[in-house]
PDB file of N, CA and C in Angstrom:
ATOM      1  N   UNK A   1       1.132  -1.352   0.218  1.00  0.00           N
ATOM      2  CA  UNK A   1       0.209  -0.191  -0.319  1.00  0.00           C
ATOM      3  C   UNK A   1       1.940   1.241  -0.108  1.00  0.00           C
ATOM      4  N   UNK A   2       0.364   2.405  -0.742  1.00  0.00           N
ATOM      5  CA  UNK A   2       1.006   3.563  -1.122  1.00  0.00           C
ATOM      6  C   UNK A   2       1.311   4.450   0.538  1.00  0.00           C
ATOM      7  N   UNK A   3       2.178   5.050   0.576  1.00  0.00           N
ATOM      8  CA  UNK A   3       2.544   6.049   2.263  1.00  0.00           C
ATOM      9  C   UNK A   3       1.865   7.325   1.275  1.00  0.00           C
ATOM     10  N   UNK A   4       0.608   7.566   1.900  1.00  0.00           N
ATOM     11  CA  UNK A   4      -0.418   8.669   2.136  1.00  0.00           C
ATOM     12  C   UNK A   4      -0.070  10.396   3.086  1.00  0.00           C
ATOM     13  N   UNK A   5       0.194  11.034   2.638  1.00  0.00           N
ATOM     14  CA  UNK A   5       0.546  11.813   4.135  1.00  0.00           C
ATOM     15  C   UNK A   5      -0.889  12.196   4.638  1.00  0.00           C
ATOM     16  N   UNK A   6      -0.213  12.175   6.012  1.00  0.00           N
ATOM     17  CA  UNK A   6      -1.918  12.702   6.709  1.00  0.00           C
ATOM     18  C   UNK A   6      -2.309  14.305   6.385  1.00  0.00           C
ATOM     19  N   UNK A   7      -3.782  13.897   6.695  1.00  0.00           N
ATOM     20  CA  UNK A   7      -4.933  15.905   6.321  1.00  0.00           C
ATOM     21  C   UNK A   7      -3.690  16.578   7.704  1.00  0.00           C
ATOM     22  N   UNK A   8      -3.360  17.540   6.654  1.00  0.00           N
ATOM     23  CA  UNK A   8      -3.488  19.169   7.433  1.00  0.00           C
ATOM     24  C   UNK A   8      -3.741  19.659   8.247  1.00  0.00           C
ATOM     25  N   UNK A   9      -5.327  19.259   8.073  1.00  0.00           N
ATOM     26  CA  UNK A   9      -6.186  20.158   9.010  1.00  0.00           C
ATOM     27  C   UNK A   9      -6.660  19.717  10.612  1.00  0.00           C
ATOM     28  N   UNK A  10      -7.031  17.924  10.025  1.00  0.00           N
ATOM     29  CA  UNK A  10      -7.829  17.456  11.460  1.00  0.00           C
ATOM     30  C   UNK A  10      -6.393  16.058  11.640  1.00  0.00           C
ATOM     31  N   UNK A  11      -5.000  15.625  11.001  1.00  0.00           N
ATOM     32  CA  UNK A  11      -4.247  14.570  10.900  1.00  0.00           C
ATOM     33  C   UNK A  11      -4.840  13.763  10.649  1.00  0.00           C
ATOM     34  N   UNK A  12      -5.811  13.400  10.123  1.00  0.00           N
ATOM     35  CA  UNK A  12      -6.678  12.021  10.203  1.00  0.00           C
ATOM     36  C   UNK A  12      -5.610  10.815   8.974  1.00  0.00           C
ATOM     37  N   UNK A  13      -5.428   9.213   9.143  1.00  0.00           N
ATOM     38  CA  UNK A  13      -4.227   8.852   8.742  1.00  0.00           C
ATOM     39  C   UNK A  13      -4.863   8.441   7.303  1.00  0.00           C
ATOM     40  N   UNK A  14      -6.748   8.144   7.002  1.00  0.00           N
ATOM     41  CA  UNK A  14      -6.674   7.939   6.124  1.00  0.00           C
ATOM     42  C   UNK A  14      -7.240   9.083   4.682  1.00  0.00           C
ATOM     43  N   UNK A  15      -6.126   9.359   4.225  1.00  0.00           N
ATOM     44  CA  UNK A  15      -6.591  10.041   3.241  1.00  0.00           C
ATOM     45  C   UNK A  15      -6.109   9.332   1.981  1.00  0.00           C
ATOM     46  N   UNK A  16      -6.572   9.705   1.040  1.00  0.00           N
ATOM     47  CA  UNK A  16      -6.903   9.083  -0.261  1.00  0.00           C
ATOM     48  C   UNK A  16      -6.928  10.082  -1.689  1.00  0.00           C
ATOM     49  N   UNK A  17      -6.318   9.201  -2.674  1.00  0.00           N
ATOM     50  CA  UNK A  17      -6.189  10.029  -4.041  1.00  0.00           C
ATOM     51  C   UNK A  17      -6.786  10.837  -4.827  1.00  0.00           C
ATOM     52  N   UNK A  18      -7.810  11.606  -4.734  1.00  0.00           N
ATOM     53  CA  UNK A  18      -8.527  11.754  -6.234  1.00  0.00           C
ATOM     54  C   UNK A  18      -7.835  12.510  -7.466  1.00  0.00           C
ATOM     55  N   UNK A  19      -7.353  12.110  -8.832  1.00  0.00           N
ATOM     56  CA  UNK A  19      -6.897  12.813  -9.732  1.00  0.00           C
ATOM     57  C   UNK A  19      -5.618  13.712  -8.765  1.00  0.00           C
ATOM     58  N   UNK A  20      -5.903  15.051  -8.962  1.00  0.00           N
ATOM     59  CA  UNK A  20      -4.023  15.701  -8.691  1.00  0.00           C
ATOM     60  C   UNK A  20      -4.519  16.104  -7.120  1.00  0.00           C
ATOM     61  N   UNK A  21      -5.542  15.730  -6.350  1.00  0.00           N
ATOM     62  CA  UNK A  21      -5.619  16.298  -5.036  1.00  0.00           C
ATOM     63  C   UNK A  21      -5.799  14.697  -4.214  1.00  0.00           C
ATOM     64  N   UNK A  22      -5.497  14.750  -2.861  1.00  0.00           N
ATOM     65  CA  UNK A  22      -5.115  14.507  -1.563  1.00  0.00           C
ATOM     66  C   UNK A  22      -6.871  14.925  -1.246  1.00  0.00           C
ATOM     67  N   UNK A  23      -7.572  13.120  -0.693  1.00  0.00           N
ATOM     68  CA  UNK A  23      -8.627  14.068   0.205  1.00  0.00           C
ATOM     69  C   UNK A  23      -8.882  13.492   1.860  1.00  0.00           C
ATOM     70  N   UNK A  24      -9.539  14.150   2.804  1.00  0.00           N
ATOM     71  CA  UNK A  24      -9.578  13.399   4.001  1.00  0.00           C
ATOM     72  C   UNK A  24     -10.893  12.930   3.583  1.00  0.00           C
ATOM     73  N   UNK A  25     -10.958  11.964   4.716  1.00  0.00           N
ATOM     74  CA  UNK A  25     -13.104  11.509   4.334  1.00  0.00           C
ATOM     75  C   UNK A  25     -13.512  11.803   5.744  1.00  0.00           C
ATOM     76  N   UNK A  26     -12.085  12.175   6.673  1.00  0.00           N
ATOM     77  CA  UNK A  26     -13.215  12.794   8.152  1.00  0.00           C
ATOM     78  C   UNK A  26     -13.842  14.291   7.616  1.00  0.00           C
ATOM     79  N   UNK A  27     -12.727  14.973   7.247  1.00  0.00           N
ATOM     80  CA  UNK A  27     -13.021  16.726   7.748  1.00  0.00           C
ATOM     81  C   UNK A  27     -13.044  17.186   5.938  1.00  0.00           C
ATOM     82  N   UNK A  28     -13.097  16.018   4.800  1.00  0.00           N
ATOM     83  CA  UNK A  28     -13.651  16.320   3.610  1.00  0.00           C
ATOM     84  C   UNK A  28     -12.337  17.651   2.933  1.00  0.00           C
ATOM     85  N   UNK A  29     -11.242  17.997   3.786  1.00  0.00           N
ATOM     86  CA  UNK A  29     -10.761  18.827   3.152  1.00  0.00           C
ATOM     87  C   UNK A  29      -9.714  18.110   1.708  1.00  0.00           C
ATOM     88  N   UNK A  30      -9.510  19.163   0.579  1.00  0.00           N
ATOM     89  CA  UNK A  30      -8.951  18.603  -0.352  1.00  0.00           C
ATOM     90  C   UNK A  30      -7.467  19.851  -0.419  1.00  0.00           C
ATOM     91  N   UNK A  31      -6.686  18.965  -0.795  1.00  0.00           N
ATOM     92  CA  UNK A  31      -5.745  19.864  -1.172  1.00  0.00           C
ATOM     93  C   UNK A  31      -4.283  19.406  -1.940  1.00  0.00           C
ATOM     94  N   UNK A  32      -3.628  19.618  -2.695  1.00  0.00           N
ATOM     95  CA  UNK A  32      -2.913  19.280  -3.904  1.00  0.00           C
ATOM     96  C   UNK A  32      -2.179  18.545  -4.349  1.00  0.00           C
ATOM     97  N   UNK A  33      -1.613  17.474  -4.312  1.00  0.00           N
ATOM     98  CA  UNK A  33      -0.339  16.492  -4.359  1.00  0.00           C
ATOM     99  C   UNK A  33       0.778  17.344  -4.523  1.00  0.00           C
ATOM    100  N   UNK A  34       0.677  18.209  -5.677  1.00  0.00           N
ATOM    101  CA  UNK A  34       1.856  18.982  -5.948  1.00  0.00           C
ATOM    102  C   UNK A  34       2.764  19.905  -4.565  1.00  0.00           C
ATOM    103  N   UNK A  35       1.617  20.244  -3.841  1.00  0.00           N
ATOM    104  CA  UNK A  35       2.424  21.431  -3.237  1.00  0.00           C
ATOM    105  C   UNK A  35       2.634  20.847  -2.056  1.00  0.00           C
ATOM    106  N   UNK A  36       3.443  21.327  -0.825  1.00  0.00           N
ATOM    107  CA  UNK A  36       3.617  20.975   0.379  1.00  0.00           C
ATOM    108  C   UNK A  36       2.658  22.340   0.969  1.00  0.00           C
ATOM    109  N   UNK A  37       1.894  22.259   2.007  1.00  0.00           N
ATOM    110  CA  UNK A  37       0.784  23.230   2.221  1.00  0.00           C
ATOM    111  C   UNK A  37       1.610  23.487   3.577  1.00  0.00           C
ATOM    112  N   UNK A  38       2.354  23.108   3.930  1.00  0.00           N
ATOM    113  CA  UNK A  38       2.871  23.517   4.698  1.00  0.00           C
ATOM    114  C   UNK A  38       3.832  24.365   4.846  1.00  0.00           C
ATOM    115  N   UNK A  39       4.169  24.526   3.308  1.00  0.00           N
ATOM    116  CA  UNK A  39       5.737  25.974   3.219  1.00  0.00           C
ATOM    117  C   UNK A  39       5.032  26.446   2.698  1.00  0.00           C
ATOM    118  N   UNK A  40       3.341  27.467   2.865  1.00  0.00           N
ATOM    119  CA  UNK A  40       2.681  28.316   2.408  1.00  0.00           C
ATOM    120  C   UNK A  40       2.851  29.596   3.637  1.00  0.00           C
ATOM    121  N   UNK A  41       3.701  30.298   3.629  1.00  0.00           N
ATOM    122  CA  UNK A  41       3.691  31.518   4.975  1.00  0.00           C
ATOM    123  C   UNK A  41       3.200  32.434   4.654  1.00  0.00           C
ATOM    124  N   UNK A  42       2.104  32.779   3.973  1.00  0.00           N
ATOM    125  CA  UNK A  42       1.963  33.837   3.720  1.00  0.00           C
ATOM    126  C   UNK A  42       0.388  33.235   3.625  1.00  0.00           C
ATOM    127  N   UNK A  43      -0.764  33.895   3.885  1.00  0.00           N
ATOM    128  CA  UNK A  43      -2.285  34.035   4.276  1.00  0.00           C
ATOM    129  C   UNK A  43      -2.705  34.856   3.179  1.00  0.00           C
ATOM    130  N   UNK A  44      -4.005  34.404   2.596  1.00  0.00           N
ATOM    131  CA  UNK A  44      -4.714  35.305   1.416  1.00  0.00           C
ATOM    132  C   UNK A  44      -6.094  35.298   2.391  1.00  0.00           C
ATOM    133  N   UNK A  45      -6.976  36.434   2.509  1.00  0.00           N
ATOM    134  CA  UNK A  45      -8.126  36.685   2.739  1.00  0.00           C
ATOM    135  C   UNK A  45      -8.809  36.803   1.881  1.00  0.00           C
ATOM    136  N   UNK A  46     -10.366  36.400   1.720  1.00  0.00           N
ATOM    137  CA  UNK A  46     -11.215  36.924   0.977  1.00  0.00           C
ATOM    138  C   UNK A  46     -12.083  38.985   1.593  1.00  0.00           C
ATOM    139  N   UNK A  47     -13.199  38.748   0.664  1.00  0.00           N
ATOM    140  CA  UNK A  47     -13.606  40.105   0.639  1.00  0.00           C
ATOM    141  C   UNK A  47     -13.978  40.436   2.704  1.00  0.00           C
ATOM    142  N   UNK A  48     -13.943  39.153   2.968  1.00  0.00           N
ATOM    143  CA  UNK A  48     -15.403  39.013   4.374  1.00  0.00           C
ATOM    144  C   UNK A  48     -14.037  38.631   5.125  1.00  0.00           C
ATOM    145  N   UNK A  49     -12.883  38.229   4.942  1.00  0.00           N
ATOM    146  CA  UNK A  49     -12.157  37.812   6.060  1.00  0.00           C
ATOM    147  C   UNK A  49     -11.683  36.800   6.226  1.00  0.00           C
ATOM    148  N   UNK A  50     -12.308  35.888   5.386  1.00  0.00           N
ATOM    149  CA  UNK A  50     -12.145  34.294   5.301  1.00  0.00           C
ATOM    150  C   UNK A  50     -10.869  33.957   4.877  1.00  0.00           C
ATOM    151  N   UNK A  51     -10.404  33.078   5.476  1.00  0.00           N
ATOM    152  CA  UNK A  51      -9.249  32.424   5.348  1.00  0.00           C
ATOM    153  C   UNK A  51      -9.450  31.567   3.857  1.00  0.00           C
ATOM    154  N   UNK A  52      -8.645  32.126   2.222  1.00  0.00           N
ATOM    155  CA  UNK A  52      -8.770  30.808   1.477  1.00  0.00           C
ATOM    156  C   UNK A  52      -7.408  29.906   1.330  1.00  0.00           C
ATOM    157  N   UNK A  53      -7.976  28.853   0.809  1.00  0.00           N
ATOM    158  CA  UNK A  53      -6.742  27.565   0.525  1.00  0.00           C
ATOM    159  C   UNK A  53      -7.336  27.342  -0.575  1.00  0.00           C
ATOM    160  N   UNK A  54      -5.795  26.316  -1.479  1.00  0.00           N
ATOM    161  CA  UNK A  54      -6.099  26.714  -2.874  1.00  0.00           C
ATOM    162  C   UNK A  54      -6.835  25.174  -3.086  1.00  0.00           C
ATOM    163  N   UNK A  55      -7.344  24.974  -4.418  1.00  0.00           N
ATOM    164  CA  UNK A  55      -8.552  24.526  -4.506  1.00  0.00           C
ATOM    165  C   UNK A  55     -10.064  24.482  -4.096  1.00  0.00           C
ATOM    166  N   UNK A  56     -10.449  26.051  -3.596  1.00  0.00           N
ATOM    167  CA  UNK A  56     -10.986  26.574  -2.712  1.00  0.00           C
ATOM    168  C   UNK A  56     -11.879  27.029  -3.798  1.00  0.00           C
ATOM    169  N   UNK A  57     -13.748  27.279  -3.838  1.00  0.00           N
ATOM    170  CA  UNK A  57     -14.311  27.332  -5.153  1.00  0.00           C
ATOM    171  C   UNK A  57     -14.508  29.473  -4.240  1.00  0.00           C
ATOM    172  N   UNK A  58     -14.677  29.605  -4.778  1.00  0.00           N
ATOM    173  CA  UNK A  58     -15.519  31.664  -4.462  1.00  0.00           C
ATOM    174  C   UNK A  58     -16.595  32.041  -5.532  1.00  0.00           C
ATOM    175  N   UNK A  59     -16.972  33.001  -5.386  1.00  0.00           N
ATOM    176  CA  UNK A  59     -17.828  33.725  -6.036  1.00  0.00           C
ATOM    177  C   UNK A  59     -17.279  35.242  -6.022  1.00  0.00           C
ATOM    178  N   UNK A  60     -17.806  35.975  -7.908  1.00  0.00           N
ATOM    179  CA  UNK A  60     -17.032  37.420  -7.336  1.00  0.00           C
ATOM    180  C   UNK A  60     -18.578  38.031  -6.614  1.00  0.00           C
ATOM    181  N   UNK A  61     -17.911  39.740  -5.911  1.00  0.00           N
ATOM    182  CA  UNK A  61     -18.622  40.242  -5.556  1.00  0.00           C
ATOM    183  C   UNK A  61     -18.678  41.887  -6.353  1.00  0.00           C
ATOM    184  N   UNK A  62     -18.085  42.177  -7.343  1.00  0.00           N
ATOM    185  CA  UNK A  62     -18.498  42.877  -8.001  1.00  0.00           C
ATOM    186  C   UNK A  62     -17.785  42.481  -9.211  1.00  0.00           C
ATOM    187  N   UNK A  63     -18.816  43.449 -10.415  1.00  0.00           N
ATOM    188  CA  UNK A  63     -18.288  43.110 -11.940  1.00  0.00           C
ATOM    189  C   UNK A  63     -16.661  43.536 -12.379  1.00  0.00           C
ATOM    190  N   UNK A  64     -16.248  42.673 -12.874  1.00  0.00           N
ATOM    191  CA  UNK A  64     -14.919  43.143 -13.004  1.00  0.00           C
ATOM    192  C   UNK A  64     -14.252  43.417 -14.576  1.00  0.00           C
ATOM    193  N   UNK A  65     -14.110  44.170 -15.222  1.00  0.00           N
ATOM    194  CA  UNK A  65     -13.590  44.699 -16.095  1.00  0.00           C
ATOM    195  C   UNK A  65     -12.880  43.925 -16.538  1.00  0.00           C
ATOM    196  N   UNK A  66     -12.111  43.425 -17.723  1.00  0.00           N
ATOM    197  CA  UNK A  66     -10.769  42.553 -18.316  1.00  0.00           C
ATOM    198  C   UNK A  66      -9.938  43.526 -18.182  1.00  0.00           C
ATOM    199  N   UNK A  67      -8.927  43.932 -18.281  1.00  0.00           N
ATOM    200  CA  UNK A  67      -7.867  44.804 -18.952  1.00  0.00           C
ATOM    201  C   UNK A  67      -7.499  44.541 -20.539  1.00  0.00           C
ATOM    202  N   UNK A  68      -7.298  44.852 -21.203  1.00  0.00           N
ATOM    203  CA  UNK A  68      -7.464  45.207 -22.803  1.00  0.00           C
ATOM    204  C   UNK A  68      -8.392  43.951 -23.114  1.00  0.00           C
ATOM    205  N   UNK A  69      -9.662  43.824 -22.656  1.00  0.00           N
ATOM    206  CA  UNK A  69     -10.580  42.785 -22.984  1.00  0.00           C
ATOM    207  C   UNK A  69     -11.970  43.578 -23.209  1.00  0.00           C
ATOM    208  N   UNK A  70     -13.039  43.380 -23.988  1.00  0.00           N
ATOM    209  CA  UNK A  70     -14.410  44.104 -23.850  1.00  0.00           C
ATOM    210  C   UNK A  70     -14.958  42.665 -22.810  1.00  0.00           C
ATOM    211  N   UNK A  71     -14.514  41.858 -22.321  1.00  0.00           N
ATOM    212  CA  UNK A  71     -14.895  41.134 -21.257  1.00  0.00           C
ATOM    213  C   UNK A  71     -15.182  41.282 -19.862  1.00  0.00           C
ATOM    214  N   UNK A  72     -16.249  40.777 -19.421  1.00  0.00           N
ATOM    215  CA  UNK A  72     -16.887  41.509 -17.901  1.00  0.00           C
ATOM    216  C   UNK A  72     -17.127  40.128 -17.005  1.00  0.00           C
ATOM    217  N   UNK A  73     -16.039  40.012 -16.205  1.00  0.00           N
ATOM    218  CA  UNK A  73     -16.747  38.745 -15.194  1.00  0.00           C
ATOM    219  C   UNK A  73     -17.947  39.894 -14.305  1.00  0.00           C
ATOM    220  N   UNK A  74     -18.479  38.912 -14.065  1.00  0.00           N
ATOM    221  CA  UNK A  74     -20.231  39.129 -14.341  1.00  0.00           C
ATOM    222  C   UNK A  74     -20.233  38.878 -12.309  1.00  0.00           C
ATOM    223  N   UNK A  75     -20.766  39.768 -11.554  1.00  0.00           N
ATOM    224  CA  UNK A  75     -20.874  39.093 -10.392  1.00  0.00           C
ATOM    225  C   UNK A  75     -21.969  38.441  -9.974  1.00  0.00           C
ATOM    226  N   UNK A  76     -21.026  37.501  -9.182  1.00  0.00           N
ATOM    227  CA  UNK A  76     -21.940  36.145  -8.859  1.00  0.00           C
ATOM    228  C   UNK A  76     -21.649  35.001  -9.808  1.00  0.00           C
ATOM    229  N   UNK A  77     -20.356  35.433 -10.174  1.00  0.00           N
ATOM    230  CA  UNK A  77     -19.458  34.272 -10.994  1.00  0.00           C
ATOM    231  C   UNK A  77     -18.927  33.526 -10.035  1.00  0.00           C
ATOM    232  N   UNK A  78     -18.844  32.357 -10.270  1.00  0.00           N
ATOM    233  CA  UNK A  78     -18.472  30.923  -9.653  1.00  0.00           C
ATOM    234  C   UNK A  78     -16.991  30.312 -10.002  1.00  0.00           C
ATOM    235  N   UNK A  79     -16.173  30.252  -8.837  1.00  0.00           N
ATOM    236  CA  UNK A  79     -14.975  30.409  -9.912  1.00  0.00           C
ATOM    237  C   UNK A  79     -14.623  29.394  -8.513  1.00  0.00           C
ATOM    238  N   UNK A  80     -14.398  27.781  -9.725  1.00  0.00           N
ATOM    239  CA  UNK A  80     -13.777  26.344  -8.586  1.00  0.00           C
ATOM    240  C   UNK A  80     -12.244  26.124  -8.565  1.00  0.00           C
ATOM    241  N   UNK A  81     -11.458  25.549  -7.798  1.00  0.00           N
ATOM    242  CA  UNK A  81     -10.664  25.522  -7.185  1.00  0.00           C
ATOM    243  C   UNK A  81      -9.626  26.690  -7.866  1.00  0.00           C
ATOM    244  N   UNK A  82      -9.437  27.737  -7.065  1.00  0.00           N
ATOM    245  CA  UNK A  82      -8.650  28.495  -7.486  1.00  0.00           C
ATOM    246  C   UNK A  82      -7.062  28.372  -7.010  1.00  0.00           C
ATOM    247  N   UNK A  83      -6.136  28.624  -7.368  1.00  0.00           N
ATOM    248  CA  UNK A  83      -4.393  28.734  -6.751  1.00  0.00           C
ATOM    249  C   UNK A  83      -4.156  29.776  -6.258  1.00  0.00           C
ATOM    250  N   UNK A  84      -3.755  29.596  -4.980  1.00  0.00           N
ATOM    251  CA  UNK A  84      -3.093  31.074  -4.159  1.00  0.00           C
ATOM    252  C   UNK A  84      -1.665  30.799  -4.979  1.00  0.00           C
ATOM    253  N   UNK A  85      -1.041  32.484  -5.027  1.00  0.00           N
ATOM    254  CA  UNK A  85       0.047  32.401  -5.318  1.00  0.00           C
ATOM    255  C   UNK A  85       0.267  33.915  -4.545  1.00  0.00           C
ATOM    256  N   UNK A  86       1.656  33.653  -4.100  1.00  0.00           N
ATOM    257  CA  UNK A  86       2.196  34.987  -3.539  1.00  0.00           C
ATOM    258  C   UNK A  86       2.616  35.790  -4.601  1.00  0.00           C
ATOM    259  N   UNK A  87       2.214  37.693  -5.166  1.00  0.00           N
ATOM    260  CA  UNK A  87       2.394  38.116  -5.828  1.00  0.00           C
ATOM    261  C   UNK A  87       3.033  39.251  -5.206  1.00  0.00           C
ATOM    262  N   UNK A  88       3.488  40.405  -5.877  1.00  0.00           N
ATOM    263  CA  UNK A  88       4.139  41.497  -5.047  1.00  0.00           C
ATOM    264  C   UNK A  88       2.772  42.323  -5.173  1.00  0.00           C
ATOM    265  N   UNK A  89       1.780  42.229  -6.273  1.00  0.00           N
ATOM    266  CA  UNK A  89       0.714  42.966  -6.086  1.00  0.00           C
ATOM    267  C   UNK A  89      -0.800  42.300  -5.702  1.00  0.00           C
ATOM    268  N   UNK A  90      -1.276  42.824  -5.251  1.00  0.00           N
ATOM    269  CA  UNK A  90      -2.727  42.419  -5.117  1.00  0.00           C
ATOM    270  C   UNK A  90      -3.528  41.107  -5.294  1.00  0.00           C
ATOM    271  N   UNK A  91      -3.075  40.416  -6.447  1.00  0.00           N
ATOM    272  CA  UNK A  91      -3.209  39.726  -7.122  1.00  0.00           C
ATOM    273  C   UNK A  91      -2.877  38.484  -6.967  1.00  0.00           C
ATOM    274  N   UNK A  92      -3.391  37.559  -5.579  1.00  0.00           N
ATOM    275  CA  UNK A  92      -2.520  36.112  -5.398  1.00  0.00           C
ATOM    276  C   UNK A  92      -3.664  35.271  -5.865  1.00  0.00           C
ATOM    277  N   UNK A  93      -4.748  35.270  -6.417  1.00  0.00           N
ATOM    278  CA  UNK A  93      -5.810  34.509  -6.857  1.00  0.00           C
ATOM    279  C   UNK A  93      -5.624  34.210  -8.199  1.00  0.00           C
ATOM    280  N   UNK A  94      -5.175  32.999  -8.655  1.00  0.00           N
ATOM    281  CA  UNK A  94      -4.877  32.737 -10.111  1.00  0.00           C
ATOM    282  C   UNK A  94      -6.178  31.772 -10.369  1.00  0.00           C
ATOM    283  N   UNK A  95      -6.793  31.504 -11.509  1.00  0.00           N
ATOM    284  CA  UNK A  95      -8.026  30.835 -11.483  1.00  0.00           C
ATOM    285  C   UNK A  95      -8.168  30.729 -13.137  1.00  0.00           C
ATOM    286  N   UNK A  96      -9.128  29.779 -13.784  1.00  0.00           N
ATOM    287  CA  UNK A  96      -9.593  29.562 -15.060  1.00  0.00           C
ATOM    288  C   UNK A  96     -11.717  30.073 -14.480  1.00  0.00           C
ATOM    289  N   UNK A  97     -11.573  31.045 -15.730  1.00  0.00           N
ATOM    290  CA  UNK A  97     -13.243  31.194 -16.072  1.00  0.00           C
ATOM    291  C   UNK A  97     -13.793  30.541 -17.070  1.00  0.00           C
ATOM    292  N   UNK A  98     -14.733  29.564 -16.882  1.00  0.00           N
ATOM    293  CA  UNK A  98     -15.788  29.366 -18.428  1.00  0.00           C
ATOM    294  C   UNK A  98     -15.771  30.893 -19.238  1.00  0.00           C
ATOM    295  N   UNK A  99     -15.599  30.501 -20.671  1.00  0.00           N
ATOM    296  CA  UNK A  99     -15.746  31.669 -21.034  1.00  0.00           C
ATOM    297  C   UNK A  99     -14.553  32.139 -21.558  1.00  0.00           C
ATOM    298  N   UNK A 100     -14.156  32.850 -20.758  1.00  0.00           N
ATOM    299  CA  UNK A 100     -12.919  33.550 -20.367  1.00  0.00           C
ATOM    300  C   UNK A 100     -11.835  33.804 -20.804  1.00  0.00           C
ATOM    301  N   UNK A 101     -11.592  31.758 -19.538  1.00  0.00           N
ATOM    302  CA  UNK A 101      -9.848  31.611 -20.054  1.00  0.00           C
ATOM    303  C   UNK A 101      -9.373  31.893 -18.138  1.00  0.00           C
ATOM    304  N   UNK A 102      -7.898  31.637 -18.680  1.00  0.00           N
ATOM    305  CA  UNK A 102      -7.278  32.526 -17.179  1.00  0.00           C
ATOM    306  C   UNK A 102      -6.438  33.304 -16.608  1.00  0.00           C
ATOM    307  N   UNK A 103      -6.694  33.815 -15.398  1.00  0.00           N
ATOM    308  CA  UNK A 103      -6.557  35.224 -14.362  1.00  0.00           C
ATOM    309  C   UNK A 103      -6.244  35.444 -13.690  1.00  0.00           C
ATOM    310  N   UNK A 104      -5.684  36.279 -13.338  1.00  0.00           N
ATOM    311  CA  UNK A 104      -5.355  36.173 -11.635  1.00  0.00           C
ATOM    312  C   UNK A 104      -6.260  37.466 -11.193  1.00  0.00           C
ATOM    313  N   UNK A 105      -7.027  37.029  -9.769  1.00  0.00           N
ATOM    314  CA  UNK A 105      -7.853  38.447  -9.634  1.00  0.00           C
ATOM    315  C   UNK A 105      -7.897  38.572  -7.792  1.00  0.00           C
ATOM    316  N   UNK A 106      -7.446  39.860  -7.408  1.00  0.00           N
ATOM    317  CA  UNK A 106      -7.367  40.394  -6.639  1.00  0.00           C
ATOM    318  C   UNK A 106      -8.709  39.971  -5.115  1.00  0.00           C
ATOM    319  N   UNK A 107      -7.721  39.240  -3.972  1.00  0.00           N
ATOM    320  CA  UNK A 107      -9.186  38.736  -2.955  1.00  0.00           C
ATOM    321  C   UNK A 107      -9.742  39.647  -2.677  1.00  0.00           C
ATOM    322  N   UNK A 108      -9.595  40.672  -2.602  1.00  0.00           N
ATOM    323  CA  UNK A 108     -10.744  41.425  -2.150  1.00  0.00           C
ATOM    324  C   UNK A 108     -11.600  41.842  -2.993  1.00  0.00           C
ATOM    325  N   UNK A 109     -11.841  41.153  -4.446  1.00  0.00           N
ATOM    326  CA  UNK A 109     -13.316  41.136  -5.423  1.00  0.00           C
ATOM    327  C   UNK A 109     -14.166  39.574  -5.516  1.00  0.00           C
ATOM    328  N   UNK A 110     -13.391  38.936  -3.835  1.00  0.00           N
ATOM    329  CA  UNK A 110     -13.829  37.319  -4.004  1.00  0.00           C
ATOM    330  C   UNK A 110     -14.872  37.280  -2.804  1.00  0.00           C
ATOM    331  N   UNK A 111     -15.883  36.236  -2.769  1.00  0.00           N
ATOM    332  CA  UNK A 111     -15.663  35.503  -1.132  1.00  0.00           C
ATOM    333  C   UNK A 111     -15.531  34.491  -1.274  1.00  0.00           C
ATOM    334  N   UNK A 112     -15.564  33.416  -0.770  1.00  0.00           N
ATOM    335  CA  UNK A 112     -15.680  31.691  -0.157  1.00  0.00           C
ATOM    336  C   UNK A 112     -16.806  31.715  -0.572  1.00  0.00           C
ATOM    337  N   UNK A 113     -16.730  30.357  -1.599  1.00  0.00           N
ATOM    338  CA  UNK A 113     -18.480  30.081  -1.554  1.00  0.00           C
ATOM    339  C   UNK A 113     -18.334  28.389  -0.536  1.00  0.00           C
TER     340      UNK A 113
END
C-alpha cells in the first residue's frame, strides 16, 4: 500500500488520492498533491476576511472589467479550484473562468463560496 500523507487540517491517517488532489474522508479537506501546504507562509483572505486555501471555490462580488478586453466577469460568477500565489501586487488568486480563460484576481473582489 502506498504511503499517503496525513490530513494537514485534522491529522487523519485515512487520506486518499482523487486525481491531482489528496482528500480527507473525515473533514473533507482537499489539497494539491504537488504542493506542500506547510511551506505556504502567507495568508490570503477574501473580502469578508475568510481564509482562502488552494482548491477553494469563490464567488465574484463585483463586476470586473478585464484589462485589454471587452469581456466582463459578472457579479456572482463562481470560480472553482483557485490557486493561491504570492504576488507583489494584490492579485494573489490564479484561476480559470469558463468562457474567459486564465486570470489573476485580487482577493478583495471575491468571497468564499
